[in-house]
Amino acid sequence: EPLDLGVRPPAGYRRVLDLRHGLLERTILWKGAESGVVRFRFR
């Protein structure tokens, strides 16, 4: 199943732009129709 937050909203979501270090971080909890819960972290 494609990860698409517009089709299946996340169970958890947080996005932070650290202006001091220039780092953008996004964390989501996502569960598909036939899958368990997965935590994704993007930096």
Full PDB file with SEQRES, HELIX, SHEET, SSBOND, CRYST1, ORIGX, SCALE, CONECT and MASTER records, all heavy atoms in Angstrom:
SEQRES   1 A   43  GLU PRO LEU ASP LEU GLY VAL ARG PRO PRO ALA GLY TYR          
SEQRES   2 A   43  ARG ARG VAL LEU ASP LEU ARG HIS GLY LEU LEU GLU ARG          
SEQRES   3 A   43  THR ILE LEU TRP LYS GLY ALA GLU SER GLY VAL VAL ARG          
SEQRES   4 A   43  PHE ARG PHE ARG                                              
SHEET    1 AA1 3 GLY A  12  ASP A  18  0                                        
SHEET    2 AA1 3 LEU A  23  LYS A  31 -1                                        
SHEET    3 AA1 3 VAL A  37  PHE A  42 -1                                        
CRYST1    1.000    1.000    1.000  90.00  90.00  90.00 P 1           1          
ORIGX1      1.000000  0.000000  0.000000        0.00000                         
ORIGX2      0.000000  1.000000  0.000000        0.00000                         
ORIGX3      0.000000  0.000000  1.000000        0.00000                         
SCALE1      1.000000  0.000000  0.000000        0.00000                         
SCALE2      0.000000  1.000000  0.000000        0.00000                         
SCALE3      0.000000  0.000000  1.000000        0.00000                         
ATOM      1  N   GLU A   1       0.840  -1.199   0.000  1.00  0.00           N  
ATOM      2  CA  GLU A   1       0.000   0.000   0.000  1.00  0.00           C  
ATOM      3  C   GLU A   1       0.876   1.250   0.000  1.00  0.00           C  
ATOM      4  O   GLU A   1       1.742   1.397   0.866  1.00  0.00           O  
ATOM      5  CB  GLU A   1      -0.923   0.022   1.214  1.00  0.00           C  
ATOM      6  CG  GLU A   1      -1.824   1.253   1.254  1.00  0.00           C  
ATOM      7  CD  GLU A   1      -2.776   1.251   2.445  1.00  0.00           C  
ATOM      8  OE1 GLU A   1      -2.835   0.238   3.166  1.00  0.00           O  
ATOM      9  OE2 GLU A   1      -3.460   2.276   2.655  1.00  0.00           O  
ATOM     10  N   PRO A   2       0.655   2.176  -0.935  1.00  0.00           N  
ATOM     11  CA  PRO A   2       1.455   3.404  -0.956  1.00  0.00           C  
ATOM     12  C   PRO A   2       1.228   4.246   0.300  1.00  0.00           C  
ATOM     13  O   PRO A   2       0.092   4.371   0.782  1.00  0.00           O  
ATOM     14  CB  PRO A   2       0.942   4.140  -2.201  1.00  0.00           C  
ATOM     15  CG  PRO A   2       0.322   3.086  -3.047  1.00  0.00           C  
ATOM     16  CD  PRO A   2      -0.266   2.096  -2.087  1.00  0.00           C  
ATOM     17  N   LEU A   3       2.296   4.796   0.816  1.00  0.00           N  
ATOM     18  CA  LEU A   3       2.196   5.751   1.919  1.00  0.00           C  
ATOM     19  C   LEU A   3       1.684   7.067   1.347  1.00  0.00           C  
ATOM     20  O   LEU A   3       2.381   7.738   0.584  1.00  0.00           O  
ATOM     21  CB  LEU A   3       3.558   5.952   2.575  1.00  0.00           C  
ATOM     22  CG  LEU A   3       3.633   7.032   3.655  1.00  0.00           C  
ATOM     23  CD1 LEU A   3       2.747   6.689   4.836  1.00  0.00           C  
ATOM     24  CD2 LEU A   3       5.071   7.239   4.112  1.00  0.00           C  
ATOM     25  N   ASP A   4       0.455   7.433   1.694  1.00  0.00           N  
ATOM     26  CA  ASP A   4      -0.163   8.658   1.188  1.00  0.00           C  
ATOM     27  C   ASP A   4      -1.049   9.209   2.298  1.00  0.00           C  
ATOM     28  O   ASP A   4      -2.115   8.663   2.587  1.00  0.00           O  
ATOM     29  CB  ASP A   4      -0.993   8.358  -0.066  1.00  0.00           C  
ATOM     30  CG  ASP A   4      -1.522   9.616  -0.738  1.00  0.00           C  
ATOM     31  OD1 ASP A   4      -1.690  10.642  -0.046  1.00  0.00           O  
ATOM     32  OD2 ASP A   4      -1.771   9.579  -1.959  1.00  0.00           O  
ATOM     33  N   LEU A   5      -0.608  10.291   2.931  1.00  0.00           N  
ATOM     34  CA  LEU A   5      -1.341  10.851   4.059  1.00  0.00           C  
ATOM     35  C   LEU A   5      -2.646  11.506   3.633  1.00  0.00           C  
ATOM     36  O   LEU A   5      -3.510  11.764   4.477  1.00  0.00           O  
ATOM     37  CB  LEU A   5      -0.470  11.870   4.798  1.00  0.00           C  
ATOM     38  CG  LEU A   5       0.880  11.363   5.319  1.00  0.00           C  
ATOM     39  CD1 LEU A   5       1.536  12.407   6.199  1.00  0.00           C  
ATOM     40  CD2 LEU A   5       0.720  10.046   6.063  1.00  0.00           C  
ATOM     41  N   GLY A   6      -2.811  11.766   2.334  1.00  0.00           N  
ATOM     42  CA  GLY A   6      -4.063  12.307   1.851  1.00  0.00           C  
ATOM     43  C   GLY A   6      -5.138  11.242   1.720  1.00  0.00           C  
ATOM     44  O   GLY A   6      -6.331  11.531   1.798  1.00  0.00           O  
ATOM     45  N   VAL A   7      -4.716  10.003   1.522  1.00  0.00           N  
ATOM     46  CA  VAL A   7      -5.650   8.881   1.403  1.00  0.00           C  
ATOM     47  C   VAL A   7      -5.913   8.242   2.760  1.00  0.00           C  
ATOM     48  O   VAL A   7      -7.053   7.941   3.123  1.00  0.00           O  
ATOM     49  CB  VAL A   7      -5.098   7.832   0.416  1.00  0.00           C  
ATOM     50  CG1 VAL A   7      -5.978   6.590   0.402  1.00  0.00           C  
ATOM     51  CG2 VAL A   7      -4.986   8.435  -0.976  1.00  0.00           C  
ATOM     52  N   ARG A   8      -4.859   8.042   3.524  1.00  0.00           N  
ATOM     53  CA  ARG A   8      -4.978   7.435   4.848  1.00  0.00           C  
ATOM     54  C   ARG A   8      -4.229   8.318   5.855  1.00  0.00           C  
ATOM     55  O   ARG A   8      -3.006   8.296   5.921  1.00  0.00           O  
ATOM     56  CB  ARG A   8      -4.395   6.014   4.846  1.00  0.00           C  
ATOM     57  CG  ARG A   8      -4.768   5.207   6.084  1.00  0.00           C  
ATOM     58  CD  ARG A   8      -4.219   3.785   5.986  1.00  0.00           C  
ATOM     59  NE  ARG A   8      -4.768   3.064   4.848  1.00  0.00           N  
ATOM     60  CZ  ARG A   8      -5.958   2.487   4.844  1.00  0.00           C  
ATOM     61  NH1 ARG A   8      -6.736   2.557   5.906  1.00  0.00           N  
ATOM     62  NH2 ARG A   8      -6.376   1.833   3.765  1.00  0.00           N  
ATOM     63  N   PRO A   9      -4.954   9.122   6.624  1.00  0.00           N  
ATOM     64  CA  PRO A   9      -4.313  10.061   7.555  1.00  0.00           C  
ATOM     65  C   PRO A   9      -3.434   9.337   8.578  1.00  0.00           C  
ATOM     66  O   PRO A   9      -3.697   8.177   8.926  1.00  0.00           O  
ATOM     67  CB  PRO A   9      -5.500  10.756   8.241  1.00  0.00           C  
ATOM     68  CG  PRO A   9      -6.633  10.598   7.281  1.00  0.00           C  
ATOM     69  CD  PRO A   9      -6.418   9.260   6.630  1.00  0.00           C  
ATOM     70  N   PRO A  10      -2.419   9.997   9.071  1.00  0.00           N  
ATOM     71  CA  PRO A  10      -1.516   9.370  10.043  1.00  0.00           C  
ATOM     72  C   PRO A  10      -2.167   9.248  11.421  1.00  0.00           C  
ATOM     73  O   PRO A  10      -3.042  10.032  11.786  1.00  0.00           O  
ATOM     74  CB  PRO A  10      -0.329  10.331  10.085  1.00  0.00           C  
ATOM     75  CG  PRO A  10      -0.929  11.664   9.762  1.00  0.00           C  
ATOM     76  CD  PRO A  10      -2.014  11.380   8.753  1.00  0.00           C  
ATOM     77  N   ALA A  11      -1.702   8.255  12.181  1.00  0.00           N  
ATOM     78  CA  ALA A  11      -2.146   8.103  13.567  1.00  0.00           C  
ATOM     79  C   ALA A  11      -1.405   9.062  14.485  1.00  0.00           C  
ATOM     80  O   ALA A  11      -1.862   9.348  15.594  1.00  0.00           O  
ATOM     81  CB  ALA A  11      -1.936   6.657  14.021  1.00  0.00           C  
ATOM     82  N   GLY A  12      -0.269   9.555  14.033  1.00  0.00           N  
ATOM     83  CA  GLY A  12       0.502  10.544  14.773  1.00  0.00           C  
ATOM     84  C   GLY A  12       1.305  11.369  13.794  1.00  0.00           C  
ATOM     85  O   GLY A  12       1.715  10.870  12.734  1.00  0.00           O  
ATOM     86  N   TYR A  13       1.537  12.637  14.123  1.00  0.00           N  
ATOM     87  CA  TYR A  13       2.193  13.536  13.162  1.00  0.00           C  
ATOM     88  C   TYR A  13       2.891  14.669  13.922  1.00  0.00           C  
ATOM     89  O   TYR A  13       2.322  15.258  14.839  1.00  0.00           O  
ATOM     90  CB  TYR A  13       1.149  14.116  12.210  1.00  0.00           C  
ATOM     91  CG  TYR A  13       1.680  15.123  11.211  1.00  0.00           C  
ATOM     92  CD1 TYR A  13       2.100  14.723   9.953  1.00  0.00           C  
ATOM     93  CD2 TYR A  13       1.753  16.475  11.535  1.00  0.00           C  
ATOM     94  CE1 TYR A  13       2.582  15.645   9.032  1.00  0.00           C  
ATOM     95  CE2 TYR A  13       2.228  17.401  10.623  1.00  0.00           C  
ATOM     96  CZ  TYR A  13       2.644  16.983   9.375  1.00  0.00           C  
ATOM     97  OH  TYR A  13       3.116  17.908   8.476  1.00  0.00           O  
ATOM     98  N   ARG A  14       4.110  14.979  13.515  1.00  0.00           N  
ATOM     99  CA  ARG A  14       4.828  16.128  14.066  1.00  0.00           C  
ATOM    100  C   ARG A  14       5.903  16.555  13.075  1.00  0.00           C  
ATOM    101  O   ARG A  14       6.646  15.719  12.542  1.00  0.00           O  
ATOM    102  CB  ARG A  14       5.465  15.794  15.415  1.00  0.00           C  
ATOM    103  CG  ARG A  14       6.196  16.973  16.066  1.00  0.00           C  
ATOM    104  CD  ARG A  14       6.705  16.575  17.447  1.00  0.00           C  
ATOM    105  NE  ARG A  14       7.521  17.583  18.076  1.00  0.00           N  
ATOM    106  CZ  ARG A  14       7.056  18.647  18.737  1.00  0.00           C  
ATOM    107  NH1 ARG A  14       5.754  18.823  18.858  1.00  0.00           N  
ATOM    108  NH2 ARG A  14       7.879  19.518  19.289  1.00  0.00           N  
ATOM    109  N   ARG A  15       5.985  17.853  12.829  1.00  0.00           N  
ATOM    110  CA  ARG A  15       7.008  18.405  11.948  1.00  0.00           C  
ATOM    111  C   ARG A  15       7.662  19.591  12.627  1.00  0.00           C  
ATOM    112  O   ARG A  15       6.979  20.471  13.166  1.00  0.00           O  
ATOM    113  CB  ARG A  15       6.393  18.809  10.608  1.00  0.00           C  
ATOM    114  CG  ARG A  15       7.389  19.403   9.630  1.00  0.00           C  
ATOM    115  CD  ARG A  15       6.913  19.403   8.191  1.00  0.00           C  
ATOM    116  NE  ARG A  15       5.639  20.051   7.962  1.00  0.00           N  
ATOM    117  CZ  ARG A  15       5.212  20.415   6.759  1.00  0.00           C  
ATOM    118  NH1 ARG A  15       5.964  20.186   5.685  1.00  0.00           N  
ATOM    119  NH2 ARG A  15       4.022  20.993   6.612  1.00  0.00           N  
ATOM    120  N   VAL A  16       8.991  19.619  12.599  1.00  0.00           N  
ATOM    121  CA  VAL A  16       9.748  20.662  13.285  1.00  0.00           C  
ATOM    122  C   VAL A  16      10.829  21.198  12.356  1.00  0.00           C  
ATOM    123  O   VAL A  16      11.614  20.422  11.794  1.00  0.00           O  
ATOM    124  CB  VAL A  16      10.398  20.136  14.581  1.00  0.00           C  
ATOM    125  CG1 VAL A  16      11.206  21.245  15.256  1.00  0.00           C  
ATOM    126  CG2 VAL A  16       9.350  19.586  15.539  1.00  0.00           C  
ATOM    127  N   LEU A  17      10.881  22.513  12.204  1.00  0.00           N  
ATOM    128  CA  LEU A  17      11.977  23.168  11.503  1.00  0.00           C  
ATOM    129  C   LEU A  17      12.873  23.814  12.551  1.00  0.00           C  
ATOM    130  O   LEU A  17      12.470  24.748  13.246  1.00  0.00           O  
ATOM    131  CB  LEU A  17      11.455  24.232  10.536  1.00  0.00           C  
ATOM    132  CG  LEU A  17      12.518  25.048   9.800  1.00  0.00           C  
ATOM    133  CD1 LEU A  17      13.441  24.156   8.974  1.00  0.00           C  
ATOM    134  CD2 LEU A  17      11.869  26.113   8.915  1.00  0.00           C  
ATOM    135  N   ASP A  18      14.070  23.272  12.698  1.00  0.00           N  
ATOM    136  CA  ASP A  18      15.060  23.793  13.641  1.00  0.00           C  
ATOM    137  C   ASP A  18      15.845  24.889  12.925  1.00  0.00           C  
ATOM    138  O   ASP A  18      16.738  24.609  12.123  1.00  0.00           O  
ATOM    139  CB  ASP A  18      15.983  22.661  14.090  1.00  0.00           C  
ATOM    140  CG  ASP A  18      16.997  23.105  15.139  1.00  0.00           C  
ATOM    141  OD1 ASP A  18      17.247  24.321  15.266  1.00  0.00           O  
ATOM    142  OD2 ASP A  18      17.558  22.222  15.815  1.00  0.00           O  
ATOM    143  N   LEU A  19      15.504  26.133  13.218  1.00  0.00           N  
ATOM    144  CA  LEU A  19      16.129  27.259  12.524  1.00  0.00           C  
ATOM    145  C   LEU A  19      17.577  27.470  12.950  1.00  0.00           C  
ATOM    146  O   LEU A  19      18.372  28.031  12.194  1.00  0.00           O  
ATOM    147  CB  LEU A  19      15.318  28.535  12.786  1.00  0.00           C  
ATOM    148  CG  LEU A  19      13.878  28.513  12.246  1.00  0.00           C  
ATOM    149  CD1 LEU A  19      13.094  29.705  12.772  1.00  0.00           C  
ATOM    150  CD2 LEU A  19      13.872  28.500  10.735  1.00  0.00           C  
ATOM    151  N   ARG A  20      17.928  27.042  14.131  1.00  0.00           N  
ATOM    152  CA  ARG A  20      19.311  27.199  14.584  1.00  0.00           C  
ATOM    153  C   ARG A  20      20.257  26.312  13.793  1.00  0.00           C  
ATOM    154  O   ARG A  20      21.369  26.713  13.430  1.00  0.00           O  
ATOM    155  CB  ARG A  20      19.419  26.882  16.077  1.00  0.00           C  
ATOM    156  CG  ARG A  20      20.831  27.130  16.654  1.00  0.00           C  
ATOM    157  CD  ARG A  20      20.907  26.677  18.103  1.00  0.00           C  
ATOM    158  NE  ARG A  20      20.041  27.461  18.965  1.00  0.00           N  
ATOM    159  CZ  ARG A  20      20.388  28.626  19.511  1.00  0.00           C  
ATOM    160  NH1 ARG A  20      21.577  29.154  19.251  1.00  0.00           N  
ATOM    161  NH2 ARG A  20      19.564  29.256  20.302  1.00  0.00           N  
ATOM    162  N   HIS A  21      19.820  25.074  13.504  1.00  0.00           N  
ATOM    163  CA  HIS A  21      20.683  24.105  12.825  1.00  0.00           C  
ATOM    164  C   HIS A  21      20.280  23.858  11.373  1.00  0.00           C  
ATOM    165  O   HIS A  21      20.938  23.074  10.676  1.00  0.00           O  
ATOM    166  CB  HIS A  21      20.680  22.782  13.593  1.00  0.00           C  
ATOM    167  CG  HIS A  21      21.183  22.900  15.001  1.00  0.00           C  
ATOM    168  ND1 HIS A  21      20.344  22.943  16.095  1.00  0.00           N  
ATOM    169  CD2 HIS A  21      22.448  23.024  15.489  1.00  0.00           C  
ATOM    170  CE1 HIS A  21      21.054  23.067  17.191  1.00  0.00           C  
ATOM    171  NE2 HIS A  21      22.330  23.111  16.856  1.00  0.00           N  
ATOM    172  N   GLY A  22      19.203  24.495  10.920  1.00  0.00           N  
ATOM    173  CA  GLY A  22      18.785  24.343   9.530  1.00  0.00           C  
ATOM    174  C   GLY A  22      18.283  22.954   9.200  1.00  0.00           C  
ATOM    175  O   GLY A  22      18.439  22.485   8.077  1.00  0.00           O  
ATOM    176  N   LEU A  23      17.652  22.285  10.173  1.00  0.00           N  
ATOM    177  CA  LEU A  23      17.214  20.901   9.996  1.00  0.00           C  
ATOM    178  C   LEU A  23      15.689  20.821  10.024  1.00  0.00           C  
ATOM    179  O   LEU A  23      15.041  21.319  10.949  1.00  0.00           O  
ATOM    180  CB  LEU A  23      17.786  20.025  11.111  1.00  0.00           C  
ATOM    181  CG  LEU A  23      17.389  18.540  11.098  1.00  0.00           C  
ATOM    182  CD1 LEU A  23      17.980  17.847   9.880  1.00  0.00           C  
ATOM    183  CD2 LEU A  23      17.846  17.861  12.379  1.00  0.00           C  
ATOM    184  N   LEU A  24      15.106  20.198   9.013  1.00  0.00           N  
ATOM    185  CA  LEU A  24      13.674  19.946   8.965  1.00  0.00           C  
ATOM    186  C   LEU A  24      13.444  18.472   9.279  1.00  0.00           C  
ATOM    187  O   LEU A  24      14.004  17.592   8.630  1.00  0.00           O  
ATOM    188  CB  LEU A  24      13.115  20.271   7.580  1.00  0.00           C  
ATOM    189  CG  LEU A  24      11.630  19.973   7.356  1.00  0.00           C  
ATOM    190  CD1 LEU A  24      10.759  20.805   8.290  1.00  0.00           C  
ATOM    191  CD2 LEU A  24      11.242  20.221   5.897  1.00  0.00           C  
ATOM    192  N   GLU A  25      12.611  18.206  10.298  1.00  0.00           N  
ATOM    193  CA  GLU A  25      12.343  16.829  10.716  1.00  0.00           C  
ATOM    194  C   GLU A  25      10.839  16.608  10.802  1.00  0.00           C  
ATOM    195  O   GLU A  25      10.109  17.417  11.372  1.00  0.00           O  
ATOM    196  CB  GLU A  25      12.991  16.528  12.060  1.00  0.00           C  
ATOM    197  CG  GLU A  25      12.753  15.111  12.551  1.00  0.00           C  
ATOM    198  CD  GLU A  25      13.559  14.769  13.796  1.00  0.00           C  
ATOM    199  OE1 GLU A  25      14.714  15.242  13.907  1.00  0.00           O  
ATOM    200  OE2 GLU A  25      13.043  14.029  14.648  1.00  0.00           O  
ATOM    201  N   ARG A  26      10.383  15.499  10.239  1.00  0.00           N  
ATOM    202  CA  ARG A  26       8.961  15.129  10.280  1.00  0.00           C  
ATOM    203  C   ARG A  26       8.839  13.688  10.734  1.00  0.00           C  
ATOM    204  O   ARG A  26       9.534  12.804  10.226  1.00  0.00           O  
ATOM    205  CB  ARG A  26       8.323  15.307   8.891  1.00  0.00           C  
ATOM    206  CG  ARG A  26       6.847  14.951   8.818  1.00  0.00           C  
ATOM    207  CD  ARG A  26       6.259  15.400   7.478  1.00  0.00           C  
ATOM    208  NE  ARG A  26       6.967  14.822   6.349  1.00  0.00           N  
ATOM    209  CZ  ARG A  26       6.503  13.800   5.619  1.00  0.00           C  
ATOM    210  NH1 ARG A  26       5.329  13.275   5.896  1.00  0.00           N  
ATOM    211  NH2 ARG A  26       7.206  13.339   4.600  1.00  0.00           N  
ATOM    212  N   THR A  27       7.970  13.456  11.708  1.00  0.00           N  
ATOM    213  CA  THR A  27       7.745  12.112  12.238  1.00  0.00           C  
ATOM    214  C   THR A  27       6.263  11.781  12.121  1.00  0.00           C  
ATOM    215  O   THR A  27       5.412  12.595  12.497  1.00  0.00           O  
ATOM    216  CB  THR A  27       8.174  12.016  13.711  1.00  0.00           C  
ATOM    217  OG1 THR A  27       9.547  12.388  13.844  1.00  0.00           O  
ATOM    218  CG2 THR A  27       7.996  10.593  14.235  1.00  0.00           C  
ATOM    219  N   ILE A  28       5.950  10.596  11.594  1.00  0.00           N  
ATOM    220  CA  ILE A  28       4.562  10.174  11.473  1.00  0.00           C  
ATOM    221  C   ILE A  28       4.415   8.733  11.942  1.00  0.00           C  
ATOM    222  O   ILE A  28       5.353   7.929  11.849  1.00  0.00           O  
ATOM    223  CB  ILE A  28       4.027  10.305  10.029  1.00  0.00           C  
ATOM    224  CG1 ILE A  28       4.810   9.402   9.080  1.00  0.00           C  
ATOM    225  CG2 ILE A  28       4.081  11.745   9.557  1.00  0.00           C  
ATOM    226  CD1 ILE A  28       4.239   9.371   7.669  1.00  0.00           C  
ATOM    227  N   LEU A  29       3.233   8.419  12.469  1.00  0.00           N  
ATOM    228  CA  LEU A  29       2.832   7.046  12.753  1.00  0.00           C  
ATOM    229  C   LEU A  29       1.761   6.692  11.735  1.00  0.00           C  
ATOM    230  O   LEU A  29       0.788   7.429  11.577  1.00  0.00           O  
ATOM    231  CB  LEU A  29       2.288   6.916  14.174  1.00  0.00           C  
ATOM    232  CG  LEU A  29       3.244   7.196  15.322  1.00  0.00           C  
ATOM    233  CD1 LEU A  29       2.519   7.079  16.663  1.00  0.00           C  
ATOM    234  CD2 LEU A  29       4.441   6.255  15.286  1.00  0.00           C  
ATOM    235  N   TRP A  30       1.925   5.557  11.081  1.00  0.00           N  
ATOM    236  CA  TRP A  30       1.021   5.212   9.973  1.00  0.00           C  
ATOM    237  C   TRP A  30       0.699   3.735  10.005  1.00  0.00           C  
ATOM    238  O   TRP A  30       1.574   2.892  10.221  1.00  0.00           O  
ATOM    239  CB  TRP A  30       1.679   5.574   8.652  1.00  0.00           C  
ATOM    240  CG  TRP A  30       0.790   5.533   7.460  1.00  0.00           C  
ATOM    241  CD1 TRP A  30      -0.087   6.493   7.043  1.00  0.00           C  
ATOM    242  CD2 TRP A  30       0.678   4.465   6.514  1.00  0.00           C  
ATOM    243  NE1 TRP A  30      -0.726   6.095   5.886  1.00  0.00           N  
ATOM    244  CE2 TRP A  30      -0.294   4.859   5.539  1.00  0.00           C  
ATOM    245  CE3 TRP A  30       1.298   3.226   6.395  1.00  0.00           C  
ATOM    246  CZ2 TRP A  30      -0.632   4.058   4.461  1.00  0.00           C  
ATOM    247  CZ3 TRP A  30       0.948   2.405   5.319  1.00  0.00           C  
ATOM    248  CH2 TRP A  30       0.001   2.832   4.371  1.00  0.00           C  
ATOM    249  N   LYS A  31      -0.578   3.426   9.767  1.00  0.00           N  
ATOM    250  CA  LYS A  31      -1.017   2.039   9.703  1.00  0.00           C  
ATOM    251  C   LYS A  31      -1.823   1.833   8.437  1.00  0.00           C  
ATOM    252  O   LYS A  31      -2.805   2.533   8.197  1.00  0.00           O  
ATOM    253  CB  LYS A  31      -1.872   1.674  10.924  1.00  0.00           C  
ATOM    254  CG  LYS A  31      -2.281   0.200  10.953  1.00  0.00           C  
ATOM    255  CD  LYS A  31      -3.176  -0.097  12.125  1.00  0.00           C  
ATOM    256  CE  LYS A  31      -3.454  -1.603  12.227  1.00  0.00           C  
ATOM    257  NZ  LYS A  31      -3.962  -2.182  10.953  1.00  0.00           N  
ATOM    258  N   GLY A  32      -1.386   0.892   7.619  1.00  0.00           N  
ATOM    259  CA  GLY A  32      -2.110   0.581   6.398  1.00  0.00           C  
ATOM    260  C   GLY A  32      -3.287  -0.330   6.652  1.00  0.00           C  
ATOM    261  O   GLY A  32      -3.498  -0.831   7.769  1.00  0.00           O  
ATOM    262  N   ALA A  33      -4.058  -0.595   5.594  1.00  0.00           N  
ATOM    263  CA  ALA A  33      -5.239  -1.446   5.732  1.00  0.00           C  
ATOM    264  C   ALA A  33      -4.873  -2.866   6.137  1.00  0.00           C  
ATOM    265  O   ALA A  33      -5.616  -3.521   6.868  1.00  0.00           O  
ATOM    266  CB  ALA A  33      -6.012  -1.450   4.420  1.00  0.00           C  
ATOM    267  N   GLU A  34      -3.710  -3.340   5.667  1.00  0.00           N  
ATOM    268  CA  GLU A  34      -3.316  -4.718   5.930  1.00  0.00           C  
ATOM    269  C   GLU A  34      -1.963  -4.799   6.626  1.00  0.00           C  
ATOM    270  O   GLU A  34      -1.309  -5.843   6.591  1.00  0.00           O  
ATOM    271  CB  GLU A  34      -3.261  -5.516   4.615  1.00  0.00           C  
ATOM    272  CG  GLU A  34      -4.549  -5.505   3.809  1.00  0.00           C  
ATOM    273  CD  GLU A  34      -5.668  -6.248   4.518  1.00  0.00           C  
ATOM    274  OE1 GLU A  34      -5.360  -7.132   5.347  1.00  0.00           O  
ATOM    275  OE2 GLU A  34      -6.848  -5.943   4.247  1.00  0.00           O  
ATOM    276  N   SER A  35      -1.540  -3.725   7.273  1.00  0.00           N  
ATOM    277  CA  SER A  35      -0.213  -3.719   7.886  1.00  0.00           C  
ATOM    278  C   SER A  35      -0.281  -3.275   9.331  1.00  0.00           C  
ATOM    279  O   SER A  35      -1.299  -2.731   9.796  1.00  0.00           O  
ATOM    280  CB  SER A  35       0.726  -2.781   7.115  1.00  0.00           C  
ATOM    281  OG  SER A  35       0.385  -1.425   7.354  1.00  0.00           O  
ATOM    282  N   GLY A  36       0.808  -3.480  10.038  1.00  0.00           N  
ATOM    283  CA  GLY A  36       0.935  -2.970  11.384  1.00  0.00           C  
ATOM    284  C   GLY A  36       1.323  -1.494  11.366  1.00  0.00           C  
ATOM    285  O   GLY A  36       1.371  -0.850  10.314  1.00  0.00           O  
ATOM    286  N   VAL A  37       1.606  -0.964  12.544  1.00  0.00           N  
ATOM    287  CA  VAL A  37       1.966   0.448  12.683  1.00  0.00           C  
ATOM    288  C   VAL A  37       3.449   0.638  12.387  1.00  0.00           C  
ATOM    289  O   VAL A  37       4.302  -0.122  12.879  1.00  0.00           O  
ATOM    290  CB  VAL A  37       1.647   0.958  14.105  1.00  0.00           C  
ATOM    291  CG1 VAL A  37       2.043   2.426  14.242  1.00  0.00           C  
ATOM    292  CG2 VAL A  37       0.161   0.790  14.413  1.00  0.00           C  
ATOM    293  N   VAL A  38       3.737   1.641  11.585  1.00  0.00           N  
ATOM    294  CA  VAL A  38       5.125   1.969  11.230  1.00  0.00           C  
ATOM    295  C   VAL A  38       5.389   3.421  11.593  1.00  0.00           C  
ATOM    296  O   VAL A  38       4.551   4.291  11.353  1.00  0.00           O  
ATOM    297  CB  VAL A  38       5.390   1.763   9.725  1.00  0.00           C  
ATOM    298  CG1 VAL A  38       6.854   2.054   9.396  1.00  0.00           C  
ATOM    299  CG2 VAL A  38       5.017   0.350   9.297  1.00  0.00           C  
ATOM    300  N   ARG A  39       6.540   3.657  12.195  1.00  0.00           N  
ATOM    301  CA  ARG A  39       6.962   5.036  12.474  1.00  0.00           C  
ATOM    302  C   ARG A  39       7.989   5.448  11.425  1.00  0.00           C  
ATOM    303  O   ARG A  39       9.008   4.788  11.242  1.00  0.00           O  
ATOM    304  CB  ARG A  39       7.564   5.163  13.873  1.00  0.00           C  
ATOM    305  CG  ARG A  39       8.085   6.591  14.166  1.00  0.00           C  
ATOM    306  CD  ARG A  39       8.403   6.770  15.634  1.00  0.00           C  
ATOM    307  NE  ARG A  39       9.376   5.782  16.090  1.00  0.00           N  
ATOM    308  CZ  ARG A  39       9.467   5.373  17.361  1.00  0.00           C  
ATOM    309  NH1 ARG A  39       8.639   5.848  18.271  1.00  0.00           N  
ATOM    310  NH2 ARG A  39      10.386   4.488  17.699  1.00  0.00           N  
ATOM    311  N   PHE A  40       7.693   6.552  10.748  1.00  0.00           N  
ATOM    312  CA  PHE A  40       8.614   7.115   9.768  1.00  0.00           C  
ATOM    313  C   PHE A  40       9.193   8.410  10.311  1.00  0.00           C  
ATOM    314  O   PHE A  40       8.475   9.221  10.913  1.00  0.00           O  
ATOM    315  CB  PHE A  40       7.892   7.409   8.448  1.00  0.00           C  
ATOM    316  CG  PHE A  40       7.472   6.192   7.685  1.00  0.00           C  
ATOM    317  CD1 PHE A  40       6.185   5.679   7.825  1.00  0.00           C  
ATOM    318  CD2 PHE A  40       8.358   5.561   6.823  1.00  0.00           C  
ATOM    319  CE1 PHE A  40       5.782   4.561   7.115  1.00  0.00           C  
ATOM    320  CE2 PHE A  40       7.964   4.438   6.116  1.00  0.00           C  
ATOM    321  CZ  PHE A  40       6.674   3.929   6.259  1.00  0.00           C  
ATOM    322  N   ARG A  41      10.473   8.600  10.072  1.00  0.00           N  
ATOM    323  CA  ARG A  41      11.123   9.862  10.431  1.00  0.00           C  
ATOM    324  C   ARG A  41      11.905  10.358   9.219  1.00  0.00           C  
ATOM    325  O   ARG A  41      12.738   9.639   8.666  1.00  0.00           O  
ATOM    326  CB  ARG A  41      12.050   9.702  11.628  1.00  0.00           C  
ATOM    327  CG  ARG A  41      12.743  11.000  12.042  1.00  0.00           C  
ATOM    328  CD  ARG A  41      13.598  10.841  13.297  1.00  0.00           C  
ATOM    329  NE  ARG A  41      12.771  10.655  14.476  1.00  0.00           N  
ATOM    330  CZ  ARG A  41      12.708   9.540  15.194  1.00  0.00           C  
ATOM    331  NH1 ARG A  41      13.426   8.481  14.811  1.00  0.00           N  
ATOM    332  NH2 ARG A  41      11.954   9.455  16.258  1.00  0.00           N  
ATOM    333  N   PHE A  42      11.604  11.586   8.792  1.00  0.00           N  
ATOM    334  CA  PHE A  42      12.276  12.212   7.655  1.00  0.00           C  
ATOM    335  C   PHE A  42      13.093  13.393   8.152  1.00  0.00           C  
ATOM    336  O   PHE A  42      12.576  14.238   8.894  1.00  0.00           O  
ATOM    337  CB  PHE A  42      11.247  12.711   6.636  1.00  0.00           C  
ATOM    338  CG  PHE A  42      10.295  11.661   6.133  1.00  0.00           C  
ATOM    339  CD1 PHE A  42       9.134  11.354   6.837  1.00  0.00           C  
ATOM    340  CD2 PHE A  42      10.550  10.975   4.952  1.00  0.00           C  
ATOM    341  CE1 PHE A  42       8.244  10.393   6.373  1.00  0.00           C  
ATOM    342  CE2 PHE A  42       9.669  10.012   4.476  1.00  0.00           C  
ATOM    343  CZ  PHE A  42       8.515   9.716   5.189  1.00  0.00           C  
ATOM    344  N   ARG A  43      14.343  13.479   7.737  1.00  0.00           N  
ATOM    345  CA  ARG A  43      15.194  14.622   8.076  1.00  0.00           C  
ATOM    346  C   ARG A  43      15.784  15.183   6.790  1.00  0.00           C  
ATOM    347  O   ARG A  43      16.233  14.425   5.930  1.00  0.00           O  
ATOM    348  CB  ARG A  43      16.322  14.223   9.027  1.00  0.00           C  
ATOM    349  CG  ARG A  43      15.873  13.717  10.385  1.00  0.00           C  
ATOM    350  CD  ARG A  43      17.074  13.535  11.300  1.00  0.00           C  
ATOM    351  NE  ARG A  43      16.723  12.991  12.588  1.00  0.00           N  
ATOM    352  CZ  ARG A  43      16.792  11.702  12.906  1.00  0.00           C  
ATOM    353  NH1 ARG A  43      17.212  10.829  11.999  1.00  0.00           N  
ATOM    354  NH2 ARG A  43      16.462  11.274  14.105  1.00  0.00           N  
TER     355      ARG A  43                                                      
MASTER        0    0    0    0    3    0    0    6  354    1    0    4          
END                                                                             
